[in-house]
Amino acid sequence: SHCACGGRTSPRYVCQACGRIGEEDGRCKRCGGWVKPSRIWSVDIRKLYTEALKRLNERELKLLKGVKALMSRDKIPEPIEKGILRAKHDLSLFKDGTTRYDLTDMPLTHFKPSEVNVDVSRLRDLGYDVSDPEEIVELAVQDIILSKDAGEYLLRVSQFIDDLLVKFYDLPPYYRAKSLDDLIGVLVIGLAPHTSAGVLGRIIGFTSTSVCYAHPFFHAAKRRNCDGDEDCVMLLMDGLINFSRSYLPDRRGGRMDAPLVLTTQINPREIDSEAHNIDICDRYPLEFYEATLSYTNPKDVKPLIETVESRLGGDMECSGFRFTHDVSDISLGPRVSSYKTLETMIEKMKAQLELAKKIRAVDARDVAERIINTHFIRDLRGNLRAFGTQTVRCSKCNSKYRRVPLTGSCTRCGNRLVLTVHEGSVRKYLETSLKIASEFDLASYTRRRLEIIEEEVASIFDGGDKRQMELVDFM
């Protein structure tokens, strides 16, 4: 952090037990208590807010949201000016200080300028050898095509960044963007959930479909399997200016979903091997189709079809890819994934099973078995465990207790205590899972696991005599 004079400050560590001030972290040398660079104290938010508005020369906002608590180790807050400018542009904030937009991944190796709403001359400026809007062009490995909704959101982010540079850092604006066309050529960071490595990308166009079109190598570099996953994009300048490790929660998993490192250039030899299996030929030979009739081992027919793997290490490992079938427009399919339009997990699961039953190449029973074993049973057992180990909270002052006090009420205000995990969250997938197990005649082992869970749930919520017992009743 910085002083009002502009110089950098050093943290001051205070013992939480005796109040001794020192310059080291860990245990206090005087009493052995924990020494931390933070403490609980009162802050005049209205004063800070008013002064920040004056410094930014901004009007008072209708609504400015903050966080409930600082979760990082050193409890370092973000400057309130950043929150004011984000609220001005109607932007949300992630835990690491960045603003991002989530999109469904879609692999793409070729496109036409007319499909991505970009002028041919602009593409030439970006390095593409193209002369006609209907010409098929090979997509560069780190170029991406975003939905128009994502573009509009990132446009607001760019305007927020420029406001931040001018009004907070006293620097000239960087993006100066007023329309989606001004975002063509802008650098972004792509990041997948549960990872900590971002991938550098460049926007070259926009589509009406709610997806992120990108090269399979780009998706694979994010540790994704190319199709159907949902990742996020953020402006590179947002990550460079606003991201900070100091904001990340000091707990398990706190550093996930944050761009701790950035891949600036994708090396095809270092990405997931699944992307190496992509075929890059313009036709399948007759021998391949004949081999499918005899159920030949895929390894035996692999030499018949050229794949990415055969080019690794050569000059053409990232270009010269071909495709077997053309389309009139890459955006002619569904504009929005049904995963987004279907609201509940039950609806999504039913749609998946209905689709599985219609496709002859898919074993619907196997799909149902996998859904139950990998998702629903894990959720059911996890929710049961959470119910049995839950905390309780006061319905008035919101104080939380690991165990119910002997008084049966809040020790601070005397009000009643309520559960934090409820019966509905424990039961929500049980009935559906049992129906699926019966309808698809799942393995007896899977059905028995569900029956055991059903018995456990019944023993907790469907007990017979629920009257309050006293010790004398057992004497």
Protein backbone atom coordinates (compact mmCIF):
# COMPACT_ATOMS: atom_id res chain seq x y z
CA SER A 1 0.00 0.00 0.00
CA HIS A 2 0.96 3.67 -0.29
CA CYS A 3 1.10 6.68 2.01
CA ALA A 4 -0.79 9.91 1.28
CA CYS A 5 2.54 11.36 0.12
CA GLY A 6 2.87 8.65 -2.54
CA GLY A 7 5.59 6.58 -0.86
CA ARG A 8 5.26 2.87 -0.10
CA THR A 9 4.35 1.77 3.42
CA SER A 10 5.49 -1.27 5.40
CA PRO A 11 3.08 -3.47 7.40
CA ARG A 12 2.96 -3.03 11.17
CA TYR A 13 2.34 -6.26 13.08
CA VAL A 14 0.34 -6.20 16.31
CA CYS A 15 0.02 -9.00 18.88
CA GLN A 16 -3.62 -9.99 19.18
CA ALA A 17 -3.14 -10.81 22.89
CA CYS A 18 -0.95 -8.12 24.48
CA GLY A 19 -0.96 -5.42 21.80
CA ARG A 20 2.83 -5.38 21.33
CA ILE A 21 3.86 -3.78 18.03
CA GLY A 22 6.62 -5.42 16.02
CA GLU A 23 7.91 -5.91 12.50
CA GLU A 24 7.70 -9.69 12.27
CA ASP A 25 4.88 -12.12 11.53
CA GLY A 26 4.10 -15.23 13.58
CA ARG A 27 4.26 -15.47 17.39
CA CYS A 28 4.73 -12.58 19.83
CA LYS A 29 8.14 -12.62 21.56
CA ARG A 30 6.61 -11.25 24.76
CA CYS A 31 3.53 -13.40 25.37
CA GLY A 32 3.49 -16.00 22.58
CA GLY A 33 0.24 -14.72 21.08
CA TRP A 34 -0.40 -14.47 17.35
CA VAL A 35 1.04 -11.39 15.64
CA LYS A 36 -0.94 -10.08 12.66
CA PRO A 37 -0.82 -7.00 10.40
CA SER A 38 -4.52 -6.27 10.95
CA ARG A 39 -7.01 -5.58 13.72
CA ILE A 40 -10.71 -4.81 14.12
CA TRP A 41 -11.48 -1.10 14.20
CA SER A 42 -14.23 1.32 13.25
CA VAL A 43 -14.13 3.11 9.91
CA ASP A 44 -16.16 6.15 8.84
CA ILE A 45 -17.38 4.75 5.51
CA ARG A 46 -19.44 7.85 4.68
CA LYS A 47 -16.37 10.07 5.05
CA LEU A 48 -14.18 7.76 2.93
CA TYR A 49 -16.91 7.55 0.29
CA THR A 50 -17.47 11.31 0.12
CA GLU A 51 -13.75 12.09 -0.10
CA ALA A 52 -13.29 9.48 -2.84
CA LEU A 53 -16.14 11.00 -4.88
CA LYS A 54 -14.46 14.41 -4.66
CA ARG A 55 -11.09 13.02 -5.77
CA LEU A 56 -12.71 11.28 -8.73
CA ASN A 57 -14.99 14.23 -9.53
CA GLU A 58 -17.97 11.84 -9.65
CA ARG A 59 -21.57 12.18 -8.54
CA GLU A 60 -23.01 10.13 -5.69
CA LEU A 61 -24.15 6.68 -6.78
CA LYS A 62 -27.57 5.12 -6.23
CA LEU A 63 -25.96 1.92 -4.97
CA LEU A 64 -22.41 0.92 -4.05
CA LYS A 65 -21.91 -2.66 -2.90
CA GLY A 66 -19.03 -3.89 -0.77
CA VAL A 67 -17.98 -7.22 0.74
CA LYS A 68 -19.01 -8.71 4.07
CA ALA A 69 -15.44 -9.26 5.21
CA LEU A 70 -11.82 -9.21 4.07
CA MET A 71 -10.76 -12.83 3.56
CA SER A 72 -7.06 -12.44 2.71
CA ARG A 73 -4.26 -13.13 5.19
CA ASP A 74 -3.27 -9.48 5.63
CA LYS A 75 -6.84 -8.12 5.24
CA ILE A 76 -5.80 -5.60 2.57
CA PRO A 77 -8.80 -3.72 1.10
CA GLU A 78 -9.11 -2.46 -2.45
CA PRO A 79 -9.17 1.34 -2.88
CA ILE A 80 -12.78 2.51 -2.61
CA GLU A 81 -12.29 4.59 -5.76
CA LYS A 82 -12.17 1.40 -7.83
CA GLY A 83 -15.49 0.27 -6.41
CA ILE A 84 -17.07 3.63 -7.21
CA LEU A 85 -15.91 3.56 -10.83
CA ARG A 86 -17.04 -0.07 -11.29
CA ALA A 87 -20.48 0.79 -9.95
CA LYS A 88 -20.62 3.74 -12.34
CA HIS A 89 -20.19 1.33 -15.27
CA ASP A 90 -22.47 -1.34 -13.74
CA LEU A 91 -19.75 -3.99 -13.39
CA SER A 92 -19.34 -6.86 -10.97
CA LEU A 93 -16.16 -7.87 -9.18
CA PHE A 94 -14.40 -11.20 -8.67
CA LYS A 95 -12.50 -12.08 -5.49
CA ASP A 96 -9.11 -11.28 -7.07
CA GLY A 97 -9.99 -7.72 -8.10
CA THR A 98 -10.76 -8.47 -11.77
CA THR A 99 -13.95 -8.22 -13.81
CA ARG A 100 -14.71 -11.15 -16.11
CA TYR A 101 -17.36 -12.60 -18.41
CA ASP A 102 -18.29 -16.30 -18.57
CA LEU A 103 -18.82 -18.03 -21.92
CA THR A 104 -19.35 -21.54 -23.25
CA ASP A 105 -16.26 -22.86 -25.06
CA MET A 106 -16.61 -23.74 -28.74
CA PRO A 107 -13.69 -25.00 -30.87
CA LEU A 108 -13.14 -23.35 -34.25
CA THR A 109 -10.34 -23.61 -36.81
CA HIS A 110 -11.75 -21.61 -39.76
CA PHE A 111 -14.14 -18.68 -40.26
CA LYS A 112 -15.36 -16.12 -42.78
CA PRO A 113 -15.01 -12.36 -42.07
CA SER A 114 -18.75 -11.94 -42.67
CA GLU A 115 -19.50 -14.45 -39.89
CA VAL A 116 -17.62 -12.52 -37.22
CA ASN A 117 -18.77 -8.99 -38.12
CA VAL A 118 -15.34 -7.58 -38.91
CA ASP A 119 -14.09 -5.66 -41.92
CA VAL A 120 -11.61 -7.37 -44.25
CA SER A 121 -9.18 -4.46 -44.04
CA ARG A 122 -9.17 -4.71 -40.24
CA LEU A 123 -8.33 -8.41 -40.44
CA ARG A 124 -5.46 -7.63 -42.79
CA ASP A 125 -4.15 -5.15 -40.21
CA LEU A 126 -4.19 -8.01 -37.69
CA GLY A 127 -2.06 -10.21 -39.94
CA TYR A 128 -4.65 -12.23 -41.90
CA ASP A 129 -4.18 -12.74 -45.65
CA VAL A 130 -7.78 -12.18 -46.76
CA SER A 131 -9.47 -10.14 -49.49
CA ASP A 132 -13.14 -11.20 -49.53
CA PRO A 133 -15.78 -11.20 -46.74
CA GLU A 134 -16.89 -14.70 -47.81
CA GLU A 135 -13.38 -16.13 -47.97
CA ILE A 136 -12.62 -19.00 -45.58
CA VAL A 137 -9.75 -18.02 -43.29
CA GLU A 138 -7.78 -20.19 -40.89
CA LEU A 139 -8.07 -18.96 -37.31
CA ALA A 140 -4.81 -18.09 -35.54
CA VAL A 141 -4.14 -20.17 -32.44
CA GLN A 142 -4.59 -17.36 -29.89
CA ASP A 143 -7.32 -15.35 -31.63
CA ILE A 144 -10.86 -15.58 -30.24
CA ILE A 145 -14.37 -14.62 -31.34
CA LEU A 146 -16.74 -13.55 -28.56
CA SER A 147 -20.49 -13.19 -28.31
CA LYS A 148 -21.84 -9.67 -28.80
CA ASP A 149 -23.14 -9.70 -25.21
CA ALA A 150 -19.62 -10.41 -23.98
CA GLY A 151 -18.32 -7.64 -26.22
CA GLU A 152 -20.77 -5.10 -24.79
CA TYR A 153 -19.75 -6.06 -21.26
CA LEU A 154 -16.03 -5.85 -22.01
CA LEU A 155 -16.67 -2.49 -23.68
CA ARG A 156 -17.93 -1.19 -20.33
CA VAL A 157 -14.89 -2.75 -18.64
CA SER A 158 -12.59 -0.90 -21.06
CA GLN A 159 -14.34 2.37 -20.24
CA PHE A 160 -13.94 1.63 -16.53
CA ILE A 161 -10.21 0.97 -17.05
CA ASP A 162 -9.82 4.28 -18.88
CA ASP A 163 -11.66 6.13 -16.09
CA LEU A 164 -9.40 4.41 -13.57
CA LEU A 165 -6.23 5.38 -15.42
CA VAL A 166 -7.29 9.01 -15.82
CA LYS A 167 -9.05 9.74 -12.52
CA PHE A 168 -7.22 7.48 -10.07
CA TYR A 169 -3.73 6.92 -11.50
CA ASP A 170 -3.46 10.29 -13.29
CA LEU A 171 -2.45 8.58 -16.55
CA PRO A 172 -3.77 8.86 -20.13
CA PRO A 173 -6.59 6.48 -21.19
CA TYR A 174 -5.57 3.23 -22.88
CA TYR A 175 -8.54 1.78 -24.77
CA ARG A 176 -10.57 4.85 -25.82
CA ALA A 177 -13.27 2.39 -26.97
CA LYS A 178 -16.74 3.62 -27.92
CA SER A 179 -18.08 0.63 -29.89
CA LEU A 180 -17.42 -3.08 -30.41
CA ASP A 181 -15.27 -2.26 -33.43
CA ASP A 182 -12.81 -0.55 -31.10
CA LEU A 183 -12.26 -3.84 -29.26
CA ILE A 184 -11.01 -5.66 -32.37
CA GLY A 185 -7.37 -6.52 -31.74
CA VAL A 186 -7.62 -6.02 -27.96
CA LEU A 187 -5.74 -8.53 -25.79
CA VAL A 188 -7.59 -10.62 -23.20
CA ILE A 189 -6.91 -13.36 -20.65
CA GLY A 190 -8.78 -16.66 -20.90
CA LEU A 191 -9.12 -18.62 -17.66
CA ALA A 192 -10.83 -21.90 -16.75
CA PRO A 193 -12.41 -22.63 -13.33
CA HIS A 194 -10.30 -24.41 -10.69
CA THR A 195 -7.05 -23.39 -12.40
CA SER A 196 -4.52 -20.64 -11.78
CA ALA A 197 -3.00 -20.19 -15.24
CA GLY A 198 -4.46 -17.71 -17.71
CA VAL A 199 -3.88 -17.79 -21.48
CA LEU A 200 -3.28 -14.67 -23.56
CA GLY A 201 -5.75 -14.15 -26.41
CA ARG A 202 -6.77 -11.52 -28.95
CA ILE A 203 -10.30 -10.48 -29.96
CA ILE A 204 -10.81 -10.55 -33.74
CA GLY A 205 -14.60 -10.54 -34.04
CA PHE A 206 -18.04 -10.99 -32.53
CA THR A 207 -20.88 -13.45 -33.07
CA SER A 208 -24.58 -13.55 -32.24
CA THR A 209 -24.10 -16.97 -30.62
CA SER A 210 -23.51 -17.00 -26.86
CA VAL A 211 -20.12 -18.75 -27.02
CA CYS A 212 -16.39 -18.13 -27.15
CA TYR A 213 -15.08 -19.42 -30.48
CA ALA A 214 -11.38 -20.21 -30.22
CA HIS A 215 -8.80 -22.61 -31.60
CA PRO A 216 -8.77 -26.06 -29.93
CA PHE A 217 -5.21 -25.30 -28.81
CA PHE A 218 -6.43 -22.19 -26.96
CA HIS A 219 -9.09 -24.13 -25.06
CA ALA A 220 -6.66 -26.98 -24.35
CA ALA A 221 -4.08 -24.51 -23.00
CA LYS A 222 -6.69 -23.50 -20.40
CA ARG A 223 -6.80 -27.19 -19.36
CA ARG A 224 -10.19 -27.71 -21.02
CA ASN A 225 -11.37 -30.47 -23.38
CA CYS A 226 -12.51 -27.95 -26.04
CA ASP A 227 -16.29 -28.30 -26.25
CA GLY A 228 -19.14 -27.42 -23.86
CA ASP A 229 -17.17 -26.17 -20.84
CA GLU A 230 -17.66 -22.65 -19.55
CA ASP A 231 -14.66 -20.39 -19.00
CA CYS A 232 -14.14 -16.68 -18.51
CA VAL A 233 -12.38 -13.87 -20.34
CA MET A 234 -11.08 -10.61 -18.93
CA LEU A 235 -9.27 -7.67 -20.46
CA LEU A 236 -5.51 -7.98 -20.14
CA MET A 237 -5.19 -4.45 -18.75
CA ASP A 238 -7.77 -5.27 -16.07
CA GLY A 239 -5.67 -8.23 -14.96
CA LEU A 240 -2.44 -6.22 -14.97
CA ILE A 241 -3.84 -3.25 -13.04
CA ASN A 242 -6.48 -4.68 -10.71
CA PHE A 243 -5.47 -8.27 -9.94
CA SER A 244 -3.67 -8.80 -6.64
CA ARG A 245 -2.73 -11.88 -4.62
CA SER A 246 -3.34 -9.71 -1.55
CA TYR A 247 -7.11 -9.94 -2.13
CA LEU A 248 -7.28 -13.74 -2.40
CA PRO A 249 -8.84 -15.65 0.53
CA ASP A 250 -6.41 -17.19 2.99
CA ARG A 251 -7.96 -20.65 2.96
CA ARG A 252 -7.96 -23.88 1.02
CA GLY A 253 -8.73 -23.25 -2.64
CA GLY A 254 -8.40 -19.49 -2.18
CA ARG A 255 -5.97 -19.17 -5.07
CA MET A 256 -8.08 -21.11 -7.55
CA ASP A 257 -9.77 -19.28 -10.44
CA ALA A 258 -7.12 -16.55 -10.33
CA PRO A 259 -4.54 -15.74 -13.06
CA LEU A 260 -1.45 -16.30 -10.93
CA VAL A 261 0.56 -17.02 -14.09
CA LEU A 262 -0.02 -16.15 -17.74
CA THR A 263 0.80 -18.18 -20.85
CA THR A 264 1.78 -15.62 -23.47
CA GLN A 265 2.56 -18.06 -26.30
CA ILE A 266 0.94 -21.47 -26.75
CA ASN A 267 3.26 -24.37 -27.49
CA PRO A 268 1.21 -27.21 -29.07
CA ARG A 269 3.62 -29.79 -27.65
CA GLU A 270 2.83 -28.66 -24.09
CA ILE A 271 -0.98 -28.72 -24.18
CA ASP A 272 -3.22 -31.66 -23.29
CA SER A 273 -2.69 -34.65 -25.58
CA GLU A 274 -6.43 -34.77 -26.30
CA ALA A 275 -5.96 -31.80 -28.65
CA HIS A 276 -3.31 -33.79 -30.54
CA ASN A 277 -5.98 -36.27 -31.66
CA ILE A 278 -7.88 -33.71 -33.76
CA ASP A 279 -8.00 -34.78 -37.39
CA ILE A 280 -6.86 -32.11 -39.85
CA CYS A 281 -7.59 -33.80 -43.20
CA ASP A 282 -10.18 -32.76 -45.79
CA ARG A 283 -11.64 -36.24 -46.35
CA TYR A 284 -11.77 -39.68 -44.74
CA PRO A 285 -10.52 -42.51 -46.99
CA LEU A 286 -12.76 -45.41 -48.00
CA GLU A 287 -10.57 -47.79 -45.98
CA PHE A 288 -11.60 -45.98 -42.81
CA TYR A 289 -15.32 -46.53 -43.41
CA GLU A 290 -14.73 -50.17 -44.31
CA ALA A 291 -12.79 -50.65 -41.08
CA THR A 292 -15.73 -49.33 -39.04
CA LEU A 293 -17.91 -52.18 -40.32
CA SER A 294 -15.59 -54.74 -38.74
CA TYR A 295 -15.12 -52.75 -35.51
CA THR A 296 -11.39 -52.43 -36.11
CA ASN A 297 -9.30 -51.16 -33.21
CA PRO A 298 -8.96 -47.34 -33.58
CA LYS A 299 -5.19 -47.62 -33.22
CA ASP A 300 -5.06 -49.75 -36.35
CA VAL A 301 -6.80 -47.13 -38.52
CA LYS A 302 -4.99 -44.13 -37.04
CA PRO A 303 -2.39 -44.01 -39.87
CA LEU A 304 -5.23 -43.54 -42.38
CA ILE A 305 -6.17 -40.09 -41.03
CA GLU A 306 -3.81 -37.17 -40.47
CA THR A 307 -4.00 -35.70 -36.96
CA VAL A 308 -2.30 -32.85 -35.11
CA GLU A 309 0.06 -35.33 -33.47
CA SER A 310 1.75 -36.10 -36.79
CA ARG A 311 2.78 -32.45 -37.21
CA LEU A 312 4.13 -31.70 -33.74
CA GLY A 313 7.63 -30.26 -33.87
CA GLY A 314 7.33 -29.24 -37.51
CA ASP A 315 6.77 -25.90 -39.24
CA MET A 316 3.07 -26.66 -39.83
CA GLU A 317 2.11 -27.69 -36.28
CA CYS A 318 -0.15 -24.63 -35.88
CA SER A 319 -1.34 -23.93 -39.43
CA GLY A 320 -2.44 -25.56 -42.66
CA PHE A 321 -5.26 -27.45 -40.94
CA ARG A 322 -8.13 -28.65 -43.16
CA PHE A 323 -11.72 -29.71 -42.49
CA THR A 324 -14.14 -32.23 -44.00
CA HIS A 325 -17.44 -30.33 -44.15
CA ASP A 326 -18.29 -26.69 -44.81
CA VAL A 327 -21.16 -24.70 -43.27
CA SER A 328 -22.95 -21.63 -44.57
CA ASP A 329 -22.62 -19.80 -41.23
CA ILE A 330 -20.99 -20.83 -37.96
CA SER A 331 -23.82 -19.13 -36.02
CA LEU A 332 -26.73 -21.04 -37.59
CA GLY A 333 -27.05 -23.47 -34.68
CA PRO A 334 -28.60 -22.76 -31.26
CA ARG A 335 -27.74 -19.24 -30.12
CA VAL A 336 -27.70 -20.17 -26.42
CA SER A 337 -26.72 -23.48 -24.84
CA SER A 338 -29.61 -25.39 -23.25
CA TYR A 339 -27.39 -25.67 -20.18
CA LYS A 340 -28.14 -21.96 -19.65
CA THR A 341 -31.81 -21.96 -20.66
CA LEU A 342 -32.70 -24.93 -18.42
CA GLU A 343 -32.79 -23.54 -14.90
CA THR A 344 -32.47 -26.50 -12.53
CA MET A 345 -30.02 -29.39 -12.46
CA ILE A 346 -32.95 -31.83 -12.61
CA GLU A 347 -34.17 -30.27 -15.87
CA LYS A 348 -30.67 -30.42 -17.35
CA MET A 349 -30.29 -34.06 -16.35
CA LYS A 350 -33.67 -35.04 -17.83
CA ALA A 351 -32.81 -33.30 -21.12
CA GLN A 352 -29.47 -35.12 -21.24
CA LEU A 353 -31.12 -38.51 -20.72
CA GLU A 354 -33.83 -37.80 -23.31
CA LEU A 355 -31.12 -36.95 -25.83
CA ALA A 356 -29.17 -40.08 -24.91
CA LYS A 357 -32.23 -42.26 -25.60
CA LYS A 358 -32.60 -40.75 -29.08
CA ILE A 359 -29.00 -41.35 -30.18
CA ARG A 360 -28.35 -44.95 -31.20
CA ALA A 361 -24.60 -44.60 -30.63
CA VAL A 362 -25.16 -43.73 -26.96
CA ASP A 363 -25.90 -46.20 -24.17
CA ALA A 364 -28.55 -44.30 -22.20
CA ARG A 365 -28.28 -46.73 -19.27
CA ASP A 366 -24.55 -46.06 -19.00
CA VAL A 367 -25.17 -42.30 -19.12
CA ALA A 368 -27.72 -42.58 -16.30
CA GLU A 369 -25.33 -44.73 -14.25
CA ARG A 370 -22.55 -42.17 -14.62
CA ILE A 371 -24.81 -39.26 -13.67
CA ILE A 372 -25.96 -41.03 -10.51
CA ASN A 373 -22.50 -42.24 -9.42
CA THR A 374 -20.42 -39.18 -10.29
CA HIS A 375 -22.88 -36.43 -9.37
CA PHE A 376 -26.04 -37.25 -7.44
CA ILE A 377 -24.73 -39.83 -4.97
CA ARG A 378 -21.76 -37.60 -4.15
CA ASP A 379 -24.07 -34.63 -3.61
CA LEU A 380 -26.46 -36.66 -1.46
CA ARG A 381 -23.72 -37.99 0.79
CA GLY A 382 -22.03 -34.60 0.95
CA ASN A 383 -25.28 -32.88 1.93
CA LEU A 384 -25.95 -35.53 4.58
CA ARG A 385 -22.50 -34.93 6.02
CA ALA A 386 -23.02 -31.16 5.90
CA PHE A 387 -26.35 -31.51 7.72
CA GLY A 388 -24.77 -33.57 10.50
CA THR A 389 -21.82 -31.22 11.00
CA GLN A 390 -23.52 -27.89 10.37
CA THR A 391 -23.33 -24.75 12.43
CA VAL A 392 -26.37 -22.92 13.76
CA ARG A 393 -26.93 -19.18 13.63
CA CYS A 394 -28.96 -16.60 15.46
CA SER A 395 -31.96 -15.40 13.47
CA LYS A 396 -31.51 -11.89 14.86
CA CYS A 397 -27.82 -10.98 15.28
CA ASN A 398 -26.52 -13.68 12.88
CA SER A 399 -23.98 -15.03 15.39
CA LYS A 400 -22.86 -18.55 14.45
CA TYR A 401 -22.16 -21.50 16.73
CA ARG A 402 -20.30 -24.71 16.00
CA ARG A 403 -22.46 -26.45 18.59
CA VAL A 404 -25.81 -25.46 20.08
CA PRO A 405 -25.30 -23.66 23.44
CA LEU A 406 -26.74 -25.41 26.50
CA THR A 407 -29.28 -22.60 26.83
CA GLY A 408 -30.67 -23.47 23.40
CA SER A 409 -30.61 -19.81 22.39
CA CYS A 410 -28.13 -17.15 21.30
CA THR A 411 -25.69 -16.29 24.09
CA ARG A 412 -25.34 -12.73 22.78
CA CYS A 413 -28.94 -11.59 22.30
CA GLY A 414 -31.01 -14.50 23.61
CA ASN A 415 -32.88 -14.97 20.35
CA ARG A 416 -33.70 -18.35 18.81
CA LEU A 417 -31.18 -20.32 16.75
CA VAL A 418 -31.85 -21.72 13.28
CA LEU A 419 -30.17 -24.33 11.09
CA THR A 420 -27.80 -23.37 8.27
CA VAL A 421 -28.39 -26.61 6.27
CA HIS A 422 -32.00 -27.63 5.72
CA GLU A 423 -33.87 -30.83 4.94
CA GLY A 424 -34.69 -29.71 1.40
CA SER A 425 -31.03 -29.48 0.39
CA VAL A 426 -30.44 -33.03 1.65
CA ARG A 427 -33.43 -34.56 -0.15
CA LYS A 428 -33.34 -32.57 -3.40
CA TYR A 429 -31.79 -35.27 -5.64
CA LEU A 430 -32.95 -38.39 -3.79
CA GLU A 431 -36.38 -38.93 -5.35
CA THR A 432 -35.11 -38.21 -8.86
CA SER A 433 -32.15 -40.57 -8.41
CA LEU A 434 -34.44 -43.40 -7.29
CA LYS A 435 -36.72 -42.87 -10.30
CA ILE A 436 -33.76 -42.94 -12.70
CA ALA A 437 -32.40 -46.09 -11.08
CA SER A 438 -35.76 -47.80 -11.60
CA GLU A 439 -36.46 -46.46 -15.11
CA PHE A 440 -33.04 -47.39 -16.53
CA ASP A 441 -32.64 -50.58 -14.49
CA LEU A 442 -29.28 -49.51 -13.08
CA ALA A 443 -26.81 -51.93 -11.52
CA SER A 444 -27.93 -53.48 -8.24
CA TYR A 445 -24.87 -51.99 -6.51
CA THR A 446 -25.91 -48.45 -7.51
CA ARG A 447 -29.52 -49.04 -6.51
CA ARG A 448 -28.44 -50.43 -3.14
CA ARG A 449 -26.28 -47.36 -2.50
CA LEU A 450 -29.29 -45.16 -3.13
CA GLU A 451 -31.47 -47.30 -0.86
CA ILE A 452 -28.94 -46.98 1.96
CA ILE A 453 -28.90 -43.20 1.54
CA GLU A 454 -32.72 -43.21 1.53
CA GLU A 455 -32.69 -45.14 4.81
CA GLU A 456 -30.21 -42.70 6.34
CA VAL A 457 -32.33 -39.72 5.29
CA ALA A 458 -35.48 -41.37 6.65
CA SER A 459 -33.79 -42.10 9.98
CA ILE A 460 -32.99 -38.39 10.34
CA PHE A 461 -36.16 -36.73 9.07
CA ASP A 462 -38.89 -39.39 9.21
CA GLY A 463 -38.40 -40.68 12.75
CA GLY A 464 -41.51 -41.86 14.59
CA ASP A 465 -41.55 -40.43 18.11
CA LYS A 466 -39.97 -36.96 18.03
CA ARG A 467 -40.94 -35.82 21.51
CA GLN A 468 -38.25 -34.20 23.66
CA MET A 469 -36.63 -36.76 25.98
CA GLU A 470 -35.22 -36.08 29.44
CA LEU A 471 -32.54 -37.97 31.36
CA VAL A 472 -35.11 -39.33 33.82
CA ASP A 473 -36.86 -41.12 30.93
CA PHE A 474 -33.89 -43.48 30.73
CA MET A 475 -33.71 -44.20 34.49
